[in-house]
């Protein structure tokens, strides 16, 4: 059973995989993050929360070359952030989507 730091760990691992271009880590993290995508990383611990897991999924899908799914995840992350009342997280998800690979 995962402990209270599980989500934060996944969030940081996903961010590092994206920053480092680690496709192997990305493939391993996507199925772990999908069930959590409607949550903020760490929100369950009530001590530390980061961005929505869907934002991390967007970055991983972008790294894996699936821009369409990346945009869907960023859009979902924006919705999750709004539900949590976080305008800055919603803006970050919107900006991440806009910064992606141009559509043809």
N, C-alpha and C. Protein backbone atom coordinates (compact mmCIF):
# COMPACT_ATOMS: atom_id res chain seq x y z
N UNK A 1 0.85 -1.18 0.00
CA UNK A 1 0.00 0.00 0.00
C UNK A 1 0.89 1.24 0.00
N UNK A 2 0.62 2.19 -0.90
CA UNK A 2 1.42 3.41 -0.96
C UNK A 2 1.25 4.26 0.31
N UNK A 3 2.32 4.94 0.69
CA UNK A 3 2.23 5.82 1.85
C UNK A 3 1.81 7.22 1.41
N UNK A 4 1.77 8.15 2.34
CA UNK A 4 1.28 9.51 2.05
C UNK A 4 2.21 10.31 1.14
N UNK A 5 3.41 9.84 0.92
CA UNK A 5 4.35 10.54 0.02
C UNK A 5 4.35 9.97 -1.40
N UNK A 6 3.57 8.93 -1.63
CA UNK A 6 3.53 8.26 -2.93
C UNK A 6 3.22 9.24 -4.07
N UNK A 7 2.19 10.04 -3.90
CA UNK A 7 1.79 10.98 -4.95
C UNK A 7 2.84 12.04 -5.22
N UNK A 8 3.43 12.56 -4.18
CA UNK A 8 4.48 13.56 -4.35
C UNK A 8 5.67 12.95 -5.08
N UNK A 9 6.03 11.72 -4.71
CA UNK A 9 7.11 11.01 -5.38
C UNK A 9 6.81 10.84 -6.87
N UNK A 10 5.59 10.41 -7.19
CA UNK A 10 5.22 10.24 -8.59
C UNK A 10 5.29 11.56 -9.35
N UNK A 11 4.82 12.62 -8.73
CA UNK A 11 4.83 13.93 -9.37
C UNK A 11 6.26 14.38 -9.68
N UNK A 12 7.14 14.24 -8.71
CA UNK A 12 8.54 14.64 -8.92
C UNK A 12 9.22 13.75 -9.96
N UNK A 13 8.94 12.45 -9.91
CA UNK A 13 9.54 11.55 -10.89
C UNK A 13 9.07 11.89 -12.30
N UNK A 14 7.79 12.24 -12.44
CA UNK A 14 7.26 12.60 -13.75
C UNK A 14 7.90 13.90 -14.25
N UNK A 15 8.04 14.86 -13.37
CA UNK A 15 8.66 16.13 -13.77
C UNK A 15 10.12 15.91 -14.19
N UNK A 16 10.84 15.10 -13.43
CA UNK A 16 12.23 14.80 -13.79
C UNK A 16 12.33 14.05 -15.11
N UNK A 17 11.45 13.08 -15.32
CA UNK A 17 11.45 12.34 -16.58
C UNK A 17 11.26 13.29 -17.75
N UNK A 18 10.34 14.25 -17.59
CA UNK A 18 10.09 15.23 -18.65
C UNK A 18 11.30 16.12 -18.87
N UNK A 19 11.87 16.62 -17.80
CA UNK A 19 13.03 17.51 -17.91
C UNK A 19 14.25 16.82 -18.50
N UNK A 20 14.43 15.56 -18.16
CA UNK A 20 15.60 14.81 -18.62
C UNK A 20 15.37 14.07 -19.93
N UNK A 21 14.13 14.07 -20.41
CA UNK A 21 13.82 13.35 -21.63
C UNK A 21 13.92 11.84 -21.46
N UNK A 22 13.63 11.34 -20.27
CA UNK A 22 13.75 9.92 -19.95
C UNK A 22 12.48 9.18 -20.38
N UNK A 23 12.47 8.68 -21.61
CA UNK A 23 11.29 8.03 -22.15
C UNK A 23 10.96 6.72 -21.44
N UNK A 24 11.96 6.00 -20.99
CA UNK A 24 11.74 4.75 -20.27
C UNK A 24 10.96 5.03 -18.98
N UNK A 25 11.37 6.04 -18.24
CA UNK A 25 10.66 6.42 -17.01
C UNK A 25 9.24 6.88 -17.34
N UNK A 26 9.10 7.64 -18.43
CA UNK A 26 7.78 8.13 -18.82
C UNK A 26 6.82 6.98 -19.09
N UNK A 27 7.27 5.98 -19.85
CA UNK A 27 6.42 4.82 -20.12
C UNK A 27 6.00 4.12 -18.83
N UNK A 28 6.87 4.05 -17.85
CA UNK A 28 6.55 3.41 -16.58
C UNK A 28 5.64 4.22 -15.70
N UNK A 29 5.72 5.55 -15.80
CA UNK A 29 4.94 6.43 -14.92
C UNK A 29 3.51 6.66 -15.41
N UNK A 30 3.29 6.66 -16.71
CA UNK A 30 1.96 6.96 -17.23
C UNK A 30 0.88 6.07 -16.59
N UNK A 31 1.02 4.74 -16.57
CA UNK A 31 -0.05 3.94 -15.96
C UNK A 31 -0.22 4.16 -14.46
N UNK A 32 0.82 4.62 -13.79
CA UNK A 32 0.71 4.89 -12.36
C UNK A 32 -0.04 6.20 -12.10
N UNK A 33 0.08 7.14 -13.02
CA UNK A 33 -0.55 8.45 -12.84
C UNK A 33 -2.00 8.51 -13.30
N UNK A 34 -2.37 7.71 -14.28
CA UNK A 34 -3.72 7.78 -14.84
C UNK A 34 -4.81 7.68 -13.76
N UNK A 35 -4.75 6.73 -12.84
CA UNK A 35 -5.82 6.66 -11.83
C UNK A 35 -5.86 7.86 -10.88
N UNK A 36 -4.80 8.64 -10.83
CA UNK A 36 -4.71 9.76 -9.89
C UNK A 36 -4.92 11.12 -10.54
N UNK A 37 -5.18 11.15 -11.84
CA UNK A 37 -5.12 12.41 -12.59
C UNK A 37 -6.10 13.49 -12.15
N UNK A 38 -7.13 13.15 -11.41
CA UNK A 38 -8.09 14.14 -10.93
C UNK A 38 -7.69 14.74 -9.59
N UNK A 39 -6.49 14.41 -9.12
CA UNK A 39 -6.04 14.88 -7.81
C UNK A 39 -4.85 15.81 -7.95
N UNK A 40 -4.62 16.58 -6.88
CA UNK A 40 -3.37 17.33 -6.76
C UNK A 40 -2.38 16.42 -6.07
N UNK A 41 -1.17 16.41 -6.56
CA UNK A 41 -0.14 15.57 -5.94
C UNK A 41 0.08 16.04 -4.50
N UNK A 42 -0.03 15.13 -3.57
CA UNK A 42 0.22 15.44 -2.17
C UNK A 42 -0.96 15.97 -1.40
N UNK A 43 -2.06 16.23 -2.06
CA UNK A 43 -3.21 16.83 -1.37
C UNK A 43 -3.73 15.94 -0.24
N UNK A 44 -3.59 14.63 -0.39
CA UNK A 44 -4.05 13.71 0.64
C UNK A 44 -3.26 13.79 1.93
N UNK A 45 -2.03 14.30 1.83
CA UNK A 45 -1.20 14.38 3.04
C UNK A 45 -1.50 15.65 3.83
N UNK A 46 -2.13 16.59 3.23
CA UNK A 46 -2.47 17.88 3.82
C UNK A 46 -1.24 18.64 4.32
N UNK A 47 -0.09 18.27 3.83
CA UNK A 47 1.11 18.98 4.25
C UNK A 47 1.84 19.63 3.08
N UNK A 48 1.62 19.12 1.90
CA UNK A 48 2.35 19.61 0.73
C UNK A 48 1.57 19.20 -0.50
N UNK A 49 1.25 20.13 -1.34
CA UNK A 49 0.53 19.80 -2.57
C UNK A 49 1.21 20.47 -3.76
N UNK A 50 1.29 19.74 -4.85
CA UNK A 50 1.83 20.31 -6.08
C UNK A 50 0.73 20.31 -7.12
N UNK A 51 1.10 20.43 -8.34
CA UNK A 51 0.13 20.55 -9.43
C UNK A 51 -0.67 19.27 -9.64
N UNK A 52 -1.75 19.37 -10.43
CA UNK A 52 -2.56 18.18 -10.72
C UNK A 52 -1.72 17.10 -11.42
N UNK A 53 -2.03 15.85 -11.11
CA UNK A 53 -1.35 14.74 -11.78
C UNK A 53 -1.57 14.80 -13.28
N UNK A 54 -2.72 15.31 -13.71
CA UNK A 54 -2.99 15.41 -15.15
C UNK A 54 -1.96 16.30 -15.84
N UNK A 55 -1.43 17.30 -15.13
CA UNK A 55 -0.38 18.14 -15.70
C UNK A 55 0.87 17.30 -15.97
N UNK A 56 1.22 16.46 -15.01
CA UNK A 56 2.37 15.57 -15.19
C UNK A 56 2.13 14.61 -16.36
N UNK A 57 0.91 14.10 -16.46
CA UNK A 57 0.58 13.22 -17.58
C UNK A 57 0.72 13.95 -18.91
N UNK A 58 0.32 15.21 -18.96
CA UNK A 58 0.48 15.99 -20.18
C UNK A 58 1.94 16.08 -20.59
N UNK A 59 2.81 16.34 -19.64
CA UNK A 59 4.24 16.43 -19.95
C UNK A 59 4.79 15.09 -20.43
N UNK A 60 4.36 14.00 -19.78
CA UNK A 60 4.85 12.68 -20.18
C UNK A 60 4.36 12.30 -21.58
N UNK A 61 3.10 12.58 -21.87
CA UNK A 61 2.59 12.27 -23.22
C UNK A 61 3.30 13.12 -24.27
N UNK A 62 3.60 14.36 -23.94
CA UNK A 62 4.35 15.20 -24.88
C UNK A 62 5.73 14.59 -25.12
N UNK A 63 6.40 14.17 -24.08
CA UNK A 63 7.71 13.54 -24.20
C UNK A 63 7.63 12.29 -25.07
N UNK A 64 6.54 11.55 -24.92
CA UNK A 64 6.38 10.31 -25.67
C UNK A 64 5.86 10.54 -27.09
N UNK A 65 5.68 11.80 -27.48
CA UNK A 65 5.30 12.13 -28.85
C UNK A 65 3.81 12.14 -29.14
N UNK A 66 2.97 12.09 -28.11
CA UNK A 66 1.52 12.10 -28.30
C UNK A 66 0.97 13.47 -27.90
N UNK A 67 1.11 14.43 -28.80
CA UNK A 67 0.71 15.80 -28.50
C UNK A 67 -0.79 15.93 -28.28
N UNK A 68 -1.58 15.16 -29.00
CA UNK A 68 -3.04 15.24 -28.84
C UNK A 68 -3.44 14.84 -27.41
N UNK A 69 -2.87 13.73 -26.92
CA UNK A 69 -3.18 13.30 -25.55
C UNK A 69 -2.59 14.28 -24.53
N UNK A 70 -1.43 14.83 -24.83
CA UNK A 70 -0.83 15.83 -23.94
C UNK A 70 -1.78 17.01 -23.76
N UNK A 71 -2.33 17.50 -24.85
CA UNK A 71 -3.26 18.64 -24.76
C UNK A 71 -4.52 18.27 -23.98
N UNK A 72 -5.01 17.05 -24.18
CA UNK A 72 -6.18 16.61 -23.40
C UNK A 72 -5.87 16.61 -21.90
N UNK A 73 -4.70 16.12 -21.55
CA UNK A 73 -4.32 16.06 -20.14
C UNK A 73 -4.11 17.46 -19.55
N UNK A 74 -3.49 18.36 -20.32
CA UNK A 74 -3.32 19.73 -19.83
C UNK A 74 -4.68 20.41 -19.63
N UNK A 75 -5.62 20.15 -20.54
CA UNK A 75 -6.97 20.71 -20.39
C UNK A 75 -7.63 20.16 -19.13
N UNK A 76 -7.47 18.86 -18.90
CA UNK A 76 -8.03 18.25 -17.70
C UNK A 76 -7.35 18.82 -16.45
N UNK A 77 -6.05 19.03 -16.52
CA UNK A 77 -5.32 19.62 -15.39
C UNK A 77 -5.84 21.01 -15.08
N UNK A 78 -6.16 21.77 -16.12
CA UNK A 78 -6.72 23.10 -15.91
C UNK A 78 -8.06 23.01 -15.18
N UNK A 79 -8.90 22.06 -15.59
CA UNK A 79 -10.19 21.87 -14.92
C UNK A 79 -10.01 21.47 -13.45
N UNK A 80 -9.10 20.54 -13.20
CA UNK A 80 -8.84 20.09 -11.82
C UNK A 80 -8.36 21.27 -10.98
N UNK A 81 -7.44 22.06 -11.52
CA UNK A 81 -6.92 23.21 -10.78
C UNK A 81 -8.04 24.21 -10.45
N UNK A 82 -8.94 24.43 -11.40
CA UNK A 82 -10.07 25.33 -11.13
C UNK A 82 -10.95 24.78 -10.01
N UNK A 83 -11.18 23.46 -10.04
CA UNK A 83 -12.01 22.85 -8.99
C UNK A 83 -11.38 23.04 -7.61
N UNK A 84 -10.06 23.07 -7.55
CA UNK A 84 -9.35 23.28 -6.29
C UNK A 84 -9.20 24.78 -5.98
N UNK A 85 -9.69 25.63 -6.87
CA UNK A 85 -9.61 27.07 -6.65
C UNK A 85 -8.22 27.64 -6.87
N UNK A 86 -7.43 27.02 -7.73
CA UNK A 86 -6.06 27.46 -7.96
C UNK A 86 -5.90 28.08 -9.35
N UNK A 87 -6.01 29.38 -9.40
CA UNK A 87 -5.88 30.09 -10.68
C UNK A 87 -4.47 29.95 -11.25
N UNK A 88 -3.45 29.94 -10.39
CA UNK A 88 -2.09 29.85 -10.92
C UNK A 88 -1.79 28.47 -11.49
N UNK A 89 -2.34 27.40 -10.90
CA UNK A 89 -2.15 26.07 -11.48
C UNK A 89 -2.93 25.92 -12.78
N UNK A 90 -4.11 26.51 -12.83
CA UNK A 90 -4.90 26.48 -14.07
C UNK A 90 -4.15 27.22 -15.18
N UNK A 91 -3.57 28.37 -14.84
CA UNK A 91 -2.79 29.12 -15.82
C UNK A 91 -1.56 28.37 -16.28
N UNK A 92 -0.92 27.65 -15.37
CA UNK A 92 0.26 26.87 -15.74
C UNK A 92 -0.11 25.75 -16.70
N UNK A 93 -1.24 25.10 -16.48
CA UNK A 93 -1.69 24.03 -17.38
C UNK A 93 -2.03 24.60 -18.75
N UNK A 94 -2.69 25.75 -18.77
CA UNK A 94 -3.04 26.40 -20.04
C UNK A 94 -1.78 26.80 -20.79
N UNK A 95 -0.80 27.35 -20.09
CA UNK A 95 0.46 27.75 -20.71
C UNK A 95 1.24 26.54 -21.23
N UNK A 96 1.21 25.44 -20.48
CA UNK A 96 1.90 24.23 -20.93
C UNK A 96 1.29 23.70 -22.21
N UNK A 97 -0.02 23.76 -22.30
CA UNK A 97 -0.69 23.30 -23.51
C UNK A 97 -0.33 24.19 -24.70
N UNK A 98 -0.33 25.49 -24.47
CA UNK A 98 -0.03 26.44 -25.54
C UNK A 98 1.43 26.36 -25.98
N UNK A 99 2.32 25.95 -25.10
CA UNK A 99 3.75 25.89 -25.42
C UNK A 99 4.13 24.64 -26.18
N UNK A 100 3.18 23.77 -26.44
CA UNK A 100 3.47 22.50 -27.07
C UNK A 100 3.85 22.60 -28.53
N UNK A 101 3.96 21.45 -29.11
CA UNK A 101 4.28 21.33 -30.52
C UNK A 101 3.15 21.95 -31.33
N UNK A 102 3.45 22.85 -32.28
CA UNK A 102 2.39 23.48 -33.07
C UNK A 102 1.55 22.43 -33.82
N UNK A 103 0.27 22.68 -33.86
CA UNK A 103 -0.61 21.78 -34.62
C UNK A 103 -0.43 22.05 -36.11
N UNK A 104 -0.53 20.98 -36.91
CA UNK A 104 -0.39 21.19 -38.36
C UNK A 104 -1.72 21.31 -39.03
